[in-house]
């Protein structure tokens, strides 16, 4: 079993029988999503971790055996098709996605041991001196706490009873002090190094899904299709109108736009809200978010105008969060 922080939930407890999993994975990728999708079923769990739309790792665990990469995705599809289960999607920052990678595939800098047997001062000094990227995890049979590190310095804390990142290690210390508490340290590469590889560029999701459905004799459903090739010398197509959302989509899109306004306000104050309202209106309304190309063009405009409003704000981070919000909400 692996334990990942459940921060910033987009979707929780979605029945796997109600989704076409390749569609979700590809939508998350197109939306530059950062975070992870998890699947759980009796005796099985799987994690697909994304950073800015790149699938940096996939891990599937059955019993005590882990499979990674291509094998992990194949096994995941087999389980979803065969026994259903539950899908969850959680957003993260890129640094947290790096730490999630450490939790499932990281190198053990400190093997699991009881806290009382470990010189914690020396261990944390080692973490700092090695410029470690990863996680220090304290746990008992009932509790678990995380200390997240980047370049040897802690940047956040989390435990199993919250869905946010804290700035104080107080709860982690309390769990570390519990009778029988244990500690492990897991390290990984920097997020830039992890993003060099993208599993989605190495596997054919529709084919894997079709194969899983064939093996289980279950209808395939709609799988992602490759874009049609345009004949050479074809006449340039006229711009497509903004999609008209259905009643169900309209409610979802209204909530999504409100979320985008909140993100913009967090970085640009009131001017951020005005910027989102202006761009959505000029793009043709909320339905623009149903068109990937139009959405990306709009986000580029938002990014340019946001830099003009406040060149010192973390605009890259703001736009990444918006992409993750859009991808996550429209994926399911």
Protein backbone atom coordinates (compact mmCIF):
# COMPACT_ATOMS: atom_id res chain seq x y z
CA UNK A 1 0.00 0.00 0.00
CA UNK A 2 1.11 3.53 -0.78
CA UNK A 3 0.01 6.65 1.07
CA UNK A 4 -0.34 9.93 -0.84
CA UNK A 5 -1.65 13.24 0.51
CA UNK A 6 -5.26 13.91 -0.46
CA UNK A 7 -4.93 17.64 -1.07
CA UNK A 8 -7.20 19.75 -3.24
CA UNK A 9 -9.71 17.09 -4.30
CA UNK A 10 -11.29 17.57 -7.72
CA UNK A 11 -13.30 14.35 -7.67
CA UNK A 12 -13.69 11.69 -5.03
CA UNK A 13 -15.44 8.33 -4.98
CA UNK A 14 -16.38 8.30 -8.66
CA UNK A 15 -17.53 4.86 -9.78
CA UNK A 16 -15.03 3.47 -12.28
CA UNK A 17 -17.95 1.83 -14.13
CA UNK A 18 -19.13 5.29 -15.20
CA UNK A 19 -15.96 6.45 -16.95
CA UNK A 20 -13.81 5.67 -19.97
CA UNK A 21 -10.43 5.90 -18.30
CA UNK A 22 -8.31 6.71 -21.40
CA UNK A 23 -10.55 9.73 -22.02
CA UNK A 24 -9.91 11.03 -18.53
CA UNK A 25 -6.14 10.52 -18.70
CA UNK A 26 -5.88 12.26 -22.07
CA UNK A 27 -8.08 15.17 -20.96
CA UNK A 28 -5.90 15.65 -17.90
CA UNK A 29 -2.84 15.66 -20.14
CA UNK A 30 -4.31 18.15 -22.60
CA UNK A 31 -5.28 20.41 -19.72
CA UNK A 32 -1.71 20.48 -18.37
CA UNK A 33 -2.99 18.90 -15.16
CA UNK A 34 -0.71 18.60 -12.13
CA UNK A 35 -1.66 16.12 -9.43
CA UNK A 36 -2.72 12.49 -9.47
CA UNK A 37 -5.52 10.12 -10.35
CA UNK A 38 -5.99 7.15 -8.07
CA UNK A 39 -7.99 3.97 -8.54
CA UNK A 40 -8.87 1.60 -5.72
CA UNK A 41 -10.60 -1.77 -5.75
CA UNK A 42 -10.55 -4.75 -3.37
CA UNK A 43 -6.91 -5.81 -2.99
CA UNK A 44 -5.74 -3.29 -5.58
CA UNK A 45 -4.63 0.34 -5.91
CA UNK A 46 -3.14 2.41 -8.70
CA UNK A 47 -1.73 5.94 -9.03
CA UNK A 48 -1.11 8.04 -12.15
CA UNK A 49 0.91 11.15 -11.28
CA UNK A 50 0.93 14.15 -13.61
CA UNK A 51 3.12 17.26 -13.76
CA UNK A 52 1.96 19.99 -16.16
CA UNK A 53 0.15 17.44 -18.28
CA UNK A 54 2.97 14.89 -18.41
CA UNK A 55 2.38 11.47 -16.89
CA UNK A 56 5.61 11.19 -14.89
CA UNK A 57 4.77 7.80 -13.40
CA UNK A 58 2.14 5.08 -13.05
CA UNK A 59 2.17 2.50 -10.27
CA UNK A 60 -0.29 -0.35 -9.73
CA UNK A 61 -0.18 -2.53 -6.63
CA UNK A 62 -1.88 -5.89 -6.19
CA UNK A 63 -1.19 -7.54 -2.87
CA UNK A 64 2.44 -6.71 -2.12
CA UNK A 65 3.59 -6.53 -5.76
CA UNK A 66 4.14 -3.26 -7.61
CA UNK A 67 4.05 -2.82 -11.37
CA UNK A 68 5.20 0.41 -13.00
CA UNK A 69 4.98 2.16 -16.37
CA UNK A 70 3.35 0.26 -19.24
CA UNK A 71 2.61 -2.78 -17.06
CA UNK A 72 0.97 -0.59 -14.41
CA UNK A 73 -1.39 1.03 -16.94
CA UNK A 74 -2.26 -2.35 -18.48
CA UNK A 75 -3.10 -3.79 -15.07
CA UNK A 76 -5.05 -0.64 -14.13
CA UNK A 77 -7.22 -0.92 -17.25
CA UNK A 78 -7.81 -4.62 -16.59
CA UNK A 79 -9.03 -3.90 -13.06
CA UNK A 80 -11.27 -0.99 -14.05
CA UNK A 81 -12.89 -3.06 -16.81
CA UNK A 82 -13.04 -6.24 -14.77
CA UNK A 83 -14.09 -5.22 -11.27
CA UNK A 84 -14.86 -1.49 -11.39
CA UNK A 85 -13.70 0.24 -8.26
CA UNK A 86 -13.38 3.91 -7.37
CA UNK A 87 -11.67 6.87 -9.06
CA UNK A 88 -10.29 9.92 -7.25
CA UNK A 89 -8.51 12.96 -8.68
CA UNK A 90 -6.43 15.38 -6.58
CA UNK A 91 -4.73 18.58 -7.72
CA UNK A 92 -1.22 19.49 -6.61
CA UNK A 93 1.54 21.95 -7.26
CA UNK A 94 4.48 20.68 -9.32
CA UNK A 95 6.62 20.43 -6.16
CA UNK A 96 3.99 18.27 -4.45
CA UNK A 97 3.71 16.06 -7.54
CA UNK A 98 7.47 15.55 -7.24
CA UNK A 99 6.98 14.46 -3.63
CA UNK A 100 4.11 12.15 -4.62
CA UNK A 101 6.54 10.50 -7.05
CA UNK A 102 8.96 10.01 -4.15
CA UNK A 103 6.23 8.31 -2.12
CA UNK A 104 5.48 5.69 -4.78
CA UNK A 105 8.82 5.26 -6.59
CA UNK A 106 11.36 7.10 -4.47
CA UNK A 107 14.73 5.87 -3.26
CA UNK A 108 14.80 5.08 0.46
CA UNK A 109 17.27 7.39 2.14
CA UNK A 110 16.12 6.07 5.52
CA UNK A 111 14.61 2.60 5.81
CA UNK A 112 11.49 2.25 7.94
CA UNK A 113 12.47 2.31 11.61
CA UNK A 114 10.98 3.36 14.93
CA UNK A 115 11.39 7.05 15.58
CA UNK A 116 12.81 6.37 19.04
CA UNK A 117 15.70 4.44 17.46
CA UNK A 118 16.60 7.22 15.02
CA UNK A 119 18.71 10.32 15.64
CA UNK A 120 16.21 12.70 14.04
CA UNK A 121 18.47 15.75 14.31
CA UNK A 122 21.18 13.94 12.38
CA UNK A 123 18.70 12.52 9.86
CA UNK A 124 17.18 15.92 9.05
CA UNK A 125 20.67 17.41 8.77
CA UNK A 126 21.46 14.71 6.22
CA UNK A 127 18.30 15.59 4.27
CA UNK A 128 19.41 19.22 4.18
CA UNK A 129 23.04 18.52 3.29
CA UNK A 130 22.05 16.27 0.40
CA UNK A 131 19.65 18.89 -1.03
CA UNK A 132 17.02 16.18 -0.98
CA UNK A 133 13.78 16.30 -2.94
CA UNK A 134 11.20 14.06 -1.35
CA UNK A 135 9.32 13.21 1.82
CA UNK A 136 9.92 12.44 5.47
CA UNK A 137 6.95 10.35 6.58
CA UNK A 138 5.96 9.53 10.17
CA UNK A 139 3.28 6.89 10.73
CA UNK A 140 1.59 4.45 13.05
CA UNK A 141 -1.09 1.87 12.29
CA UNK A 142 -3.73 4.61 12.53
CA UNK A 143 -1.98 7.89 11.62
CA UNK A 144 0.32 9.26 8.96
CA UNK A 145 2.07 12.62 8.49
CA UNK A 146 4.25 14.05 5.71
CA UNK A 147 7.05 16.60 5.63
CA UNK A 148 7.73 17.73 2.04
CA UNK A 149 11.24 18.74 0.96
CA UNK A 150 12.69 20.54 -2.04
CA UNK A 151 16.45 21.05 -2.35
CA UNK A 152 16.91 19.99 1.27
CA UNK A 153 14.42 22.46 2.74
CA UNK A 154 10.87 21.75 4.00
CA UNK A 155 8.13 23.60 2.11
CA UNK A 156 4.95 22.10 3.53
CA UNK A 157 3.36 19.61 5.89
CA UNK A 158 0.31 17.36 5.69
CA UNK A 159 -1.36 14.56 7.64
CA UNK A 160 -4.15 12.06 7.11
CA UNK A 161 -6.93 14.19 8.62
CA UNK A 162 -6.64 17.26 6.40
CA UNK A 163 -6.82 18.05 2.67
CA UNK A 164 -4.61 21.11 2.72
CA UNK A 165 -0.90 21.85 3.05
CA UNK A 166 0.14 23.34 6.37
CA UNK A 167 3.07 25.63 7.11
CA UNK A 168 3.67 24.20 10.58
CA UNK A 169 5.20 20.79 11.45
CA UNK A 170 3.31 20.60 14.77
CA UNK A 171 0.99 17.73 13.81
CA UNK A 172 3.85 15.79 12.22
CA UNK A 173 5.78 16.10 15.47
CA UNK A 174 2.77 14.88 17.46
CA UNK A 175 2.43 11.79 15.25
CA UNK A 176 6.20 11.18 15.45
CA UNK A 177 5.87 11.19 19.25
CA UNK A 178 3.11 8.56 19.35
CA UNK A 179 4.01 5.14 20.86
CA UNK A 180 5.52 2.88 18.22
CA UNK A 181 5.66 5.64 15.58
CA UNK A 182 7.94 4.88 12.64
CA UNK A 183 9.76 7.05 10.11
CA UNK A 184 10.92 6.65 6.51
CA UNK A 185 12.66 9.05 4.14
CA UNK A 186 12.02 8.83 0.40
CA UNK A 187 13.90 10.89 -2.18
CA UNK A 188 13.50 11.52 -5.90
CA UNK A 189 14.83 13.66 -8.75
CA UNK A 190 13.84 17.26 -9.38
CA UNK A 191 10.52 17.90 -11.11
CA UNK A 192 12.32 19.11 -14.24
CA UNK A 193 14.18 15.80 -14.50
CA UNK A 194 11.00 13.79 -13.87
CA UNK A 195 9.18 15.68 -16.63
CA UNK A 196 11.74 14.66 -19.26
CA UNK A 197 9.76 11.41 -19.65
CA UNK A 198 6.05 11.30 -20.41
CA UNK A 199 4.42 7.87 -20.27
CA UNK A 200 1.54 9.04 -22.45
CA UNK A 201 3.99 9.51 -25.31
CA UNK A 202 5.15 5.92 -24.94
CA UNK A 203 1.86 4.03 -24.75
CA UNK A 204 -1.26 3.78 -26.91
CA UNK A 205 -4.07 4.25 -24.39
CA UNK A 206 -6.97 3.43 -26.75
CA UNK A 207 -5.32 0.15 -27.80
CA UNK A 208 -4.60 -0.85 -24.21
CA UNK A 209 -8.20 -0.06 -23.27
CA UNK A 210 -9.61 -2.00 -26.21
CA UNK A 211 -7.42 -4.96 -25.28
CA UNK A 212 -8.63 -4.84 -21.67
CA UNK A 213 -12.25 -4.70 -22.82
CA UNK A 214 -11.70 -7.58 -25.23
CA UNK A 215 -10.16 -9.71 -22.50
CA UNK A 216 -13.13 -9.07 -20.24
CA UNK A 217 -15.70 -9.26 -23.06
CA UNK A 218 -17.02 -5.81 -22.11
CA UNK A 219 -18.21 -3.22 -24.65
CA UNK A 220 -15.34 -0.92 -25.50
CA UNK A 221 -17.25 2.35 -25.39
CA UNK A 222 -15.83 5.48 -26.94
CA UNK A 223 -12.05 5.69 -26.85
CA UNK A 224 -9.93 8.70 -27.87
CA UNK A 225 -9.40 8.86 -31.60
CA UNK A 226 -6.43 10.19 -33.50
CA UNK A 227 -6.97 13.54 -35.23
CA UNK A 228 -7.94 13.21 -38.88
CA UNK A 229 -5.23 14.02 -41.39
CA UNK A 230 -5.99 16.99 -43.63
CA UNK A 231 -5.32 16.44 -47.35
CA UNK A 232 -2.56 18.58 -48.78
CA UNK A 233 -3.81 21.77 -50.41
CA UNK A 234 -7.09 21.64 -48.50
CA UNK A 235 -9.07 24.84 -48.18
CA UNK A 236 -8.57 26.51 -44.83
CA UNK A 237 -11.51 25.83 -42.57
CA UNK A 238 -13.59 28.67 -41.18
CA UNK A 239 -13.27 29.27 -37.41
CA UNK A 240 -15.57 27.00 -35.47
CA UNK A 241 -18.19 28.60 -33.21
CA UNK A 242 -17.98 28.24 -29.47
CA UNK A 243 -19.71 24.99 -28.40
CA UNK A 244 -23.18 25.39 -26.91
CA UNK A 245 -23.19 23.60 -23.54
CA UNK A 246 -25.97 21.29 -22.44
CA UNK A 247 -27.95 22.09 -19.30
CA UNK A 248 -25.72 19.77 -17.25
CA UNK A 249 -22.54 21.23 -18.75
CA UNK A 250 -23.82 24.77 -18.24
CA UNK A 251 -23.96 24.33 -14.47
CA UNK A 252 -20.53 22.70 -14.41
CA UNK A 253 -19.06 25.49 -16.56
CA UNK A 254 -20.55 28.21 -14.36
CA UNK A 255 -18.90 26.65 -11.31
CA UNK A 256 -15.64 26.28 -13.23
CA UNK A 257 -15.61 29.94 -14.28
CA UNK A 258 -16.23 30.96 -10.66
CA UNK A 259 -13.23 28.84 -9.65
CA UNK A 260 -11.06 30.48 -12.33
CA UNK A 261 -12.06 33.89 -11.01
CA UNK A 262 -11.05 32.86 -7.49
CA UNK A 263 -7.66 31.65 -8.73
CA UNK A 264 -7.08 34.91 -10.61
CA UNK A 265 -8.12 36.98 -7.59
CA UNK A 266 -5.65 35.09 -5.39
CA UNK A 267 -2.80 36.32 -7.63
CA UNK A 268 -4.10 39.62 -9.03
CA UNK A 269 -6.82 40.77 -6.56
CA UNK A 270 -9.95 42.31 -8.09
CA UNK A 271 -8.24 42.90 -11.42
CA UNK A 272 -7.90 39.13 -11.79
CA UNK A 273 -11.65 38.60 -11.57
CA UNK A 274 -12.25 41.34 -14.13
CA UNK A 275 -9.67 39.80 -16.45
CA UNK A 276 -11.38 36.39 -16.42
CA UNK A 277 -14.84 37.91 -16.97
CA UNK A 278 -13.52 39.95 -19.91
CA UNK A 279 -11.71 37.08 -21.60
CA UNK A 280 -14.62 34.62 -21.18
CA UNK A 281 -17.07 37.16 -22.60
CA UNK A 282 -14.88 38.07 -25.58
CA UNK A 283 -14.23 34.38 -26.30
CA UNK A 284 -17.94 33.77 -26.70
CA UNK A 285 -19.07 32.66 -23.25
CA UNK A 286 -18.50 29.76 -20.88
CA UNK A 287 -18.80 27.23 -23.71
CA UNK A 288 -15.30 28.20 -24.88
CA UNK A 289 -13.97 25.93 -22.11
CA UNK A 290 -15.35 22.91 -23.97
CA UNK A 291 -12.99 23.57 -26.87
CA UNK A 292 -9.36 22.70 -26.06
CA UNK A 293 -7.79 24.91 -28.75
CA UNK A 294 -9.93 27.94 -27.94
CA UNK A 295 -9.31 27.45 -24.22
CA UNK A 296 -5.55 27.33 -24.73
CA UNK A 297 -5.64 30.47 -26.87
CA UNK A 298 -7.65 32.24 -24.18
CA UNK A 299 -5.23 31.15 -21.44
CA UNK A 300 -2.35 32.57 -23.49
CA UNK A 301 -4.17 35.91 -23.63
CA UNK A 302 -4.87 35.76 -19.90
CA UNK A 303 -1.20 35.07 -19.21
CA UNK A 304 -0.05 38.03 -21.32
CA UNK A 305 -2.54 40.45 -19.76
CA UNK A 306 -1.83 39.17 -16.25
CA UNK A 307 1.88 39.98 -16.67
CA UNK A 308 0.92 43.49 -17.72
CA UNK A 309 -1.22 43.85 -14.59
CA UNK A 310 1.49 42.62 -12.19
CA UNK A 311 4.85 41.53 -13.57
CA UNK A 312 5.95 40.35 -10.10
CA UNK A 313 3.04 37.93 -9.55
CA UNK A 314 3.58 34.18 -10.04
CA UNK A 315 1.70 34.15 -13.35
CA UNK A 316 3.08 30.78 -14.56
CA UNK A 317 1.80 29.15 -11.40
CA UNK A 318 -1.58 30.89 -11.74
CA UNK A 319 -2.07 29.68 -15.33
CA UNK A 320 -0.95 26.14 -14.40
CA UNK A 321 -3.58 26.07 -11.65
CA UNK A 322 -6.21 27.27 -14.12
CA UNK A 323 -5.27 24.51 -16.58
CA UNK A 324 -5.46 21.93 -13.80
CA UNK A 325 -8.84 23.28 -12.69
CA UNK A 326 -10.22 23.10 -16.24
CA UNK A 327 -8.80 19.65 -16.95
CA UNK A 328 -9.94 18.20 -13.66
CA UNK A 329 -13.49 19.53 -13.69
CA UNK A 330 -14.18 18.61 -17.31
CA UNK A 331 -12.47 15.21 -17.19
CA UNK A 332 -15.28 13.39 -15.40
